[in-house]
Amino acid sequence: MSLKTDSLSKILYVIILLGLILLTGVIIGLPWVMPILFENSTFYSIVDHSSVLALLYVSGIPTWVILWMTKRLSRNIIKRQPFSESSLYSLKGISICAIIVFICYLYSCLFLSATLGIIVITVGAFMVSLISIIIYKLVEVAMEIQKENELTI
């Protein structure tokens, strides 16, 4: 069972690294790629280009941080230290960054244009934030129980 868990954790770690590399390339190349991708899109012709670019940057950077924090979490799992201060820090960071992405896309829904994709991203970011804060509290309680068990032994 532990070999399967280790291999899954390592696969997750590699996928996250690939995602970080890909997202870094997308963030850097966004001003050049965006006009090519959206040249025939009706949404892109309605909305101001600079506001869409700003939305993608303001939400892309916290998304990159979420991936980085997830990489740290998977590294903790590989090291067999899931209940550590580093895990708590990562989970709190994921929650804060997901709230930032949620606020960005909620603003977009309210003031720019609410397409189905933007609504799905908004709800998804809210759910990621909610789930990560719940897991944060669970890890915090597990760490307290672990410390109590260490003191009694």
C-alpha atoms as a PDB file:
ATOM      1  CA  MET A   1       0.000   0.000   0.000  1.00  0.00           C
ATOM      2  CA  SER A   2       2.787   2.457   0.807  1.00  0.00           C
ATOM      3  CA  LEU A   3       4.474   1.917  -2.570  1.00  0.00           C
ATOM      4  CA  LYS A   4       1.242   2.859  -4.332  1.00  0.00           C
ATOM      5  CA  THR A   5       0.869   5.979  -2.182  1.00  0.00           C
ATOM      6  CA  ASP A   6       4.477   6.991  -2.786  1.00  0.00           C
ATOM      7  CA  SER A   7       4.182   6.543  -6.544  1.00  0.00           C
ATOM      8  CA  LEU A   8       0.929   8.525  -6.666  1.00  0.00           C
ATOM      9  CA  SER A   9       2.494  11.310  -4.634  1.00  0.00           C
ATOM     10  CA  LYS A  10       5.502  11.396  -6.918  1.00  0.00           C
ATOM     11  CA  ILE A  11       3.290  11.437 -10.010  1.00  0.00           C
ATOM     12  CA  LEU A  12       1.312  14.315  -8.492  1.00  0.00           C
ATOM     13  CA  TYR A  13       4.575  16.138  -7.774  1.00  0.00           C
ATOM     14  CA  VAL A  14       5.731  15.763 -11.407  1.00  0.00           C
ATOM     15  CA  ILE A  15       2.352  16.892 -12.773  1.00  0.00           C
ATOM     16  CA  ILE A  16       2.449  19.976 -10.542  1.00  0.00           C
ATOM     17  CA  LEU A  17       5.994  20.783 -11.701  1.00  0.00           C
ATOM     18  CA  LEU A  18       4.883  20.518 -15.332  1.00  0.00           C
ATOM     19  CA  GLY A  19       1.897  22.731 -14.536  1.00  0.00           C
ATOM     20  CA  LEU A  20       4.168  25.338 -12.940  1.00  0.00           C
ATOM     21  CA  ILE A  21       6.428  25.375 -16.004  1.00  0.00           C
ATOM     22  CA  LEU A  22       3.462  25.612 -18.376  1.00  0.00           C
ATOM     23  CA  LEU A  23       1.717  28.332 -16.360  1.00  0.00           C
ATOM     24  CA  THR A  24       4.944  30.344 -16.156  1.00  0.00           C
ATOM     25  CA  GLY A  25       5.231  30.208 -19.938  1.00  0.00           C
ATOM     26  CA  VAL A  26       1.596  31.217 -20.372  1.00  0.00           C
ATOM     27  CA  ILE A  27       1.910  34.143 -17.964  1.00  0.00           C
ATOM     28  CA  ILE A  28       5.040  35.397 -19.722  1.00  0.00           C
ATOM     29  CA  GLY A  29       3.631  34.934 -23.234  1.00  0.00           C
ATOM     30  CA  LEU A  30       0.095  36.159 -22.501  1.00  0.00           C
ATOM     31  CA  PRO A  31       0.320  39.524 -24.303  1.00  0.00           C
ATOM     32  CA  TRP A  32       1.421  37.794 -27.522  1.00  0.00           C
ATOM     33  CA  VAL A  33      -0.773  34.691 -27.341  1.00  0.00           C
ATOM     34  CA  MET A  34      -4.065  36.318 -26.292  1.00  0.00           C
ATOM     35  CA  PRO A  35      -4.748  38.237 -29.545  1.00  0.00           C
ATOM     36  CA  ILE A  36      -4.042  35.117 -31.620  1.00  0.00           C
ATOM     37  CA  LEU A  37      -6.366  32.899 -29.564  1.00  0.00           C
ATOM     38  CA  PHE A  38      -9.259  35.354 -29.388  1.00  0.00           C
ATOM     39  CA  GLU A  39      -9.138  37.033 -32.802  1.00  0.00           C
ATOM     40  CA  ASN A  40     -12.459  35.462 -33.938  1.00  0.00           C
ATOM     41  CA  SER A  41     -14.123  35.418 -30.502  1.00  0.00           C
ATOM     42  CA  THR A  42     -17.243  37.513 -29.953  1.00  0.00           C
ATOM     43  CA  PHE A  43     -16.426  37.904 -26.238  1.00  0.00           C
ATOM     44  CA  TYR A  44     -13.006  39.333 -26.982  1.00  0.00           C
ATOM     45  CA  SER A  45     -14.465  41.862 -29.427  1.00  0.00           C
ATOM     46  CA  ILE A  46     -17.019  43.096 -26.865  1.00  0.00           C
ATOM     47  CA  VAL A  47     -14.718  43.493 -23.847  1.00  0.00           C
ATOM     48  CA  ASP A  48     -11.729  45.814 -23.581  1.00  0.00           C
ATOM     49  CA  HIS A  49      -8.503  43.893 -24.280  1.00  0.00           C
ATOM     50  CA  SER A  50      -6.534  45.502 -21.474  1.00  0.00           C
ATOM     51  CA  SER A  51      -9.167  44.593 -18.857  1.00  0.00           C
ATOM     52  CA  VAL A  52      -9.113  40.943 -19.945  1.00  0.00           C
ATOM     53  CA  LEU A  53      -5.307  40.942 -19.850  1.00  0.00           C
ATOM     54  CA  ALA A  54      -5.321  42.524 -16.373  1.00  0.00           C
ATOM     55  CA  LEU A  55      -7.864  39.941 -15.163  1.00  0.00           C
ATOM     56  CA  LEU A  56      -5.718  37.091 -16.484  1.00  0.00           C
ATOM     57  CA  TYR A  57      -2.573  38.455 -14.828  1.00  0.00           C
ATOM     58  CA  VAL A  58      -4.240  39.258 -11.496  1.00  0.00           C
ATOM     59  CA  SER A  59      -5.772  35.780 -11.360  1.00  0.00           C
ATOM     60  CA  GLY A  60      -2.856  33.945 -13.005  1.00  0.00           C
ATOM     61  CA  ILE A  61      -0.261  34.914 -10.426  1.00  0.00           C
ATOM     62  CA  PRO A  62      -2.307  33.616  -7.441  1.00  0.00           C
ATOM     63  CA  THR A  63      -3.012  30.469  -9.472  1.00  0.00           C
ATOM     64  CA  TRP A  64       0.750  30.007  -9.885  1.00  0.00           C
ATOM     65  CA  VAL A  65       1.155  30.423  -6.118  1.00  0.00           C
ATOM     66  CA  ILE A  66      -1.599  27.818  -5.556  1.00  0.00           C
ATOM     67  CA  LEU A  67       0.344  25.368  -7.719  1.00  0.00           C
ATOM     68  CA  TRP A  68       3.558  26.168  -5.819  1.00  0.00           C
ATOM     69  CA  MET A  69       1.863  25.585  -2.465  1.00  0.00           C
ATOM     70  CA  THR A  70       0.376  22.338  -3.770  1.00  0.00           C
ATOM     71  CA  LYS A  71       3.895  21.266  -4.770  1.00  0.00           C
ATOM     72  CA  ARG A  72       5.017  21.902  -1.185  1.00  0.00           C
ATOM     73  CA  LEU A  73       2.092  19.848   0.125  1.00  0.00           C
ATOM     74  CA  SER A  74       2.917  16.924  -2.147  1.00  0.00           C
ATOM     75  CA  ARG A  75       6.574  17.150  -1.065  1.00  0.00           C
ATOM     76  CA  ASN A  76       5.427  16.900   2.571  1.00  0.00           C
ATOM     77  CA  ILE A  77       3.377  13.830   1.699  1.00  0.00           C
ATOM     78  CA  ILE A  78       6.360  12.236  -0.051  1.00  0.00           C
ATOM     79  CA  LYS A  79       8.497  12.934   3.054  1.00  0.00           C
ATOM     80  CA  ARG A  80       5.741  11.420   5.234  1.00  0.00           C
ATOM     81  CA  GLN A  81       5.201  14.713   7.086  1.00  0.00           C
ATOM     82  CA  PRO A  82       1.636  15.722   6.147  1.00  0.00           C
ATOM     83  CA  PHE A  83       0.910  17.148   9.614  1.00  0.00           C
ATOM     84  CA  SER A  84       3.512  19.894   9.761  1.00  0.00           C
ATOM     85  CA  GLU A  85       3.641  23.667  10.013  1.00  0.00           C
ATOM     86  CA  SER A  86       4.643  23.761   6.354  1.00  0.00           C
ATOM     87  CA  SER A  87       1.409  22.006   5.407  1.00  0.00           C
ATOM     88  CA  LEU A  88      -0.611  24.492   7.444  1.00  0.00           C
ATOM     89  CA  TYR A  89       1.182  27.404   5.786  1.00  0.00           C
ATOM     90  CA  SER A  90       0.563  25.928   2.328  1.00  0.00           C
ATOM     91  CA  LEU A  91      -3.114  25.259   2.969  1.00  0.00           C
ATOM     92  CA  LYS A  92      -3.661  28.773   4.290  1.00  0.00           C
ATOM     93  CA  GLY A  93      -1.838  30.212   1.264  1.00  0.00           C
ATOM     94  CA  ILE A  94      -3.962  28.131  -1.114  1.00  0.00           C
ATOM     95  CA  SER A  95      -7.115  29.399   0.561  1.00  0.00           C
ATOM     96  CA  ILE A  96      -6.056  33.057   0.404  1.00  0.00           C
ATOM     97  CA  CYS A  97      -4.971  32.811  -3.238  1.00  0.00           C
ATOM     98  CA  ALA A  98      -8.213  31.036  -4.189  1.00  0.00           C
ATOM     99  CA  ILE A  99     -10.180  33.850  -2.533  1.00  0.00           C
ATOM    100  CA  ILE A 100      -8.198  36.373  -4.612  1.00  0.00           C
ATOM    101  CA  VAL A 101      -9.041  34.450  -7.802  1.00  0.00           C
ATOM    102  CA  PHE A 102     -12.684  34.236  -6.681  1.00  0.00           C
ATOM    103  CA  ILE A 103     -12.867  38.006  -6.115  1.00  0.00           C
ATOM    104  CA  CYS A 104     -11.252  38.712  -9.497  1.00  0.00           C
ATOM    105  CA  TYR A 105     -13.728  36.580 -11.398  1.00  0.00           C
ATOM    106  CA  LEU A 106     -16.685  37.737  -9.294  1.00  0.00           C
ATOM    107  CA  TYR A 107     -15.739  41.287 -10.307  1.00  0.00           C
ATOM    108  CA  SER A 108     -15.581  40.090 -13.892  1.00  0.00           C
ATOM    109  CA  CYS A 109     -19.039  38.519 -13.621  1.00  0.00           C
ATOM    110  CA  LEU A 110     -20.542  41.655 -12.144  1.00  0.00           C
ATOM    111  CA  PHE A 111     -18.847  44.394 -14.158  1.00  0.00           C
ATOM    112  CA  LEU A 112     -17.376  42.944 -17.362  1.00  0.00           C
ATOM    113  CA  SER A 113     -19.286  40.040 -18.855  1.00  0.00           C
ATOM    114  CA  ALA A 114     -20.568  36.882 -17.219  1.00  0.00           C
ATOM    115  CA  THR A 115     -19.935  33.983 -19.566  1.00  0.00           C
ATOM    116  CA  LEU A 116     -20.393  30.375 -18.545  1.00  0.00           C
ATOM    117  CA  GLY A 117     -16.633  29.828 -18.306  1.00  0.00           C
ATOM    118  CA  ILE A 118     -16.148  32.803 -16.001  1.00  0.00           C
ATOM    119  CA  ILE A 119     -19.024  31.651 -13.784  1.00  0.00           C
ATOM    120  CA  VAL A 120     -17.534  28.146 -13.557  1.00  0.00           C
ATOM    121  CA  ILE A 121     -14.098  29.560 -12.635  1.00  0.00           C
ATOM    122  CA  THR A 122     -15.720  31.802  -9.999  1.00  0.00           C
ATOM    123  CA  VAL A 123     -17.576  28.926  -8.356  1.00  0.00           C
ATOM    124  CA  GLY A 124     -14.520  26.660  -8.655  1.00  0.00           C
ATOM    125  CA  ALA A 125     -12.237  29.189  -6.977  1.00  0.00           C
ATOM    126  CA  PHE A 126     -14.736  29.605  -4.144  1.00  0.00           C
ATOM    127  CA  MET A 127     -14.946  25.836  -3.674  1.00  0.00           C
ATOM    128  CA  VAL A 128     -11.136  25.452  -3.664  1.00  0.00           C
ATOM    129  CA  SER A 129     -10.909  28.149  -1.004  1.00  0.00           C
ATOM    130  CA  LEU A 130     -13.624  26.543   1.096  1.00  0.00           C
ATOM    131  CA  ILE A 131     -12.169  23.034   0.865  1.00  0.00           C
ATOM    132  CA  SER A 132      -8.620  24.189   1.585  1.00  0.00           C
ATOM    133  CA  ILE A 133      -9.673  26.079   4.725  1.00  0.00           C
ATOM    134  CA  ILE A 134     -11.583  22.989   5.924  1.00  0.00           C
ATOM    135  CA  ILE A 135      -8.516  20.812   5.334  1.00  0.00           C
ATOM    136  CA  TYR A 136      -6.419  23.480   7.112  1.00  0.00           C
ATOM    137  CA  LYS A 137      -8.603  23.131  10.205  1.00  0.00           C
ATOM    138  CA  LEU A 138      -8.475  19.326  10.006  1.00  0.00           C
ATOM    139  CA  VAL A 139      -4.666  19.320   9.800  1.00  0.00           C
ATOM    140  CA  GLU A 140      -4.515  21.803  12.673  1.00  0.00           C
ATOM    141  CA  VAL A 141      -6.663  19.514  14.859  1.00  0.00           C
ATOM    142  CA  ALA A 142      -4.636  16.465  13.786  1.00  0.00           C
ATOM    143  CA  MET A 143      -1.424  18.247  14.778  1.00  0.00           C
ATOM    144  CA  GLU A 144      -2.873  19.048  18.208  1.00  0.00           C
ATOM    145  CA  ILE A 145      -3.892  15.401  18.695  1.00  0.00           C
ATOM    146  CA  GLN A 146      -0.449  14.263  17.525  1.00  0.00           C
ATOM    147  CA  LYS A 147       1.258  16.579  20.049  1.00  0.00           C
ATOM    148  CA  GLU A 148      -0.983  15.299  22.842  1.00  0.00           C
ATOM    149  CA  ASN A 149      -0.177  11.710  21.914  1.00  0.00           C
ATOM    150  CA  GLU A 150       3.557  12.452  21.922  1.00  0.00           C
ATOM    151  CA  LEU A 151       3.268  13.960  25.403  1.00  0.00           C
ATOM    152  CA  THR A 152       1.391  10.958  26.831  1.00  0.00           C
ATOM    153  CA  ILE A 153       3.881   8.387  25.536  1.00  0.00           C
END
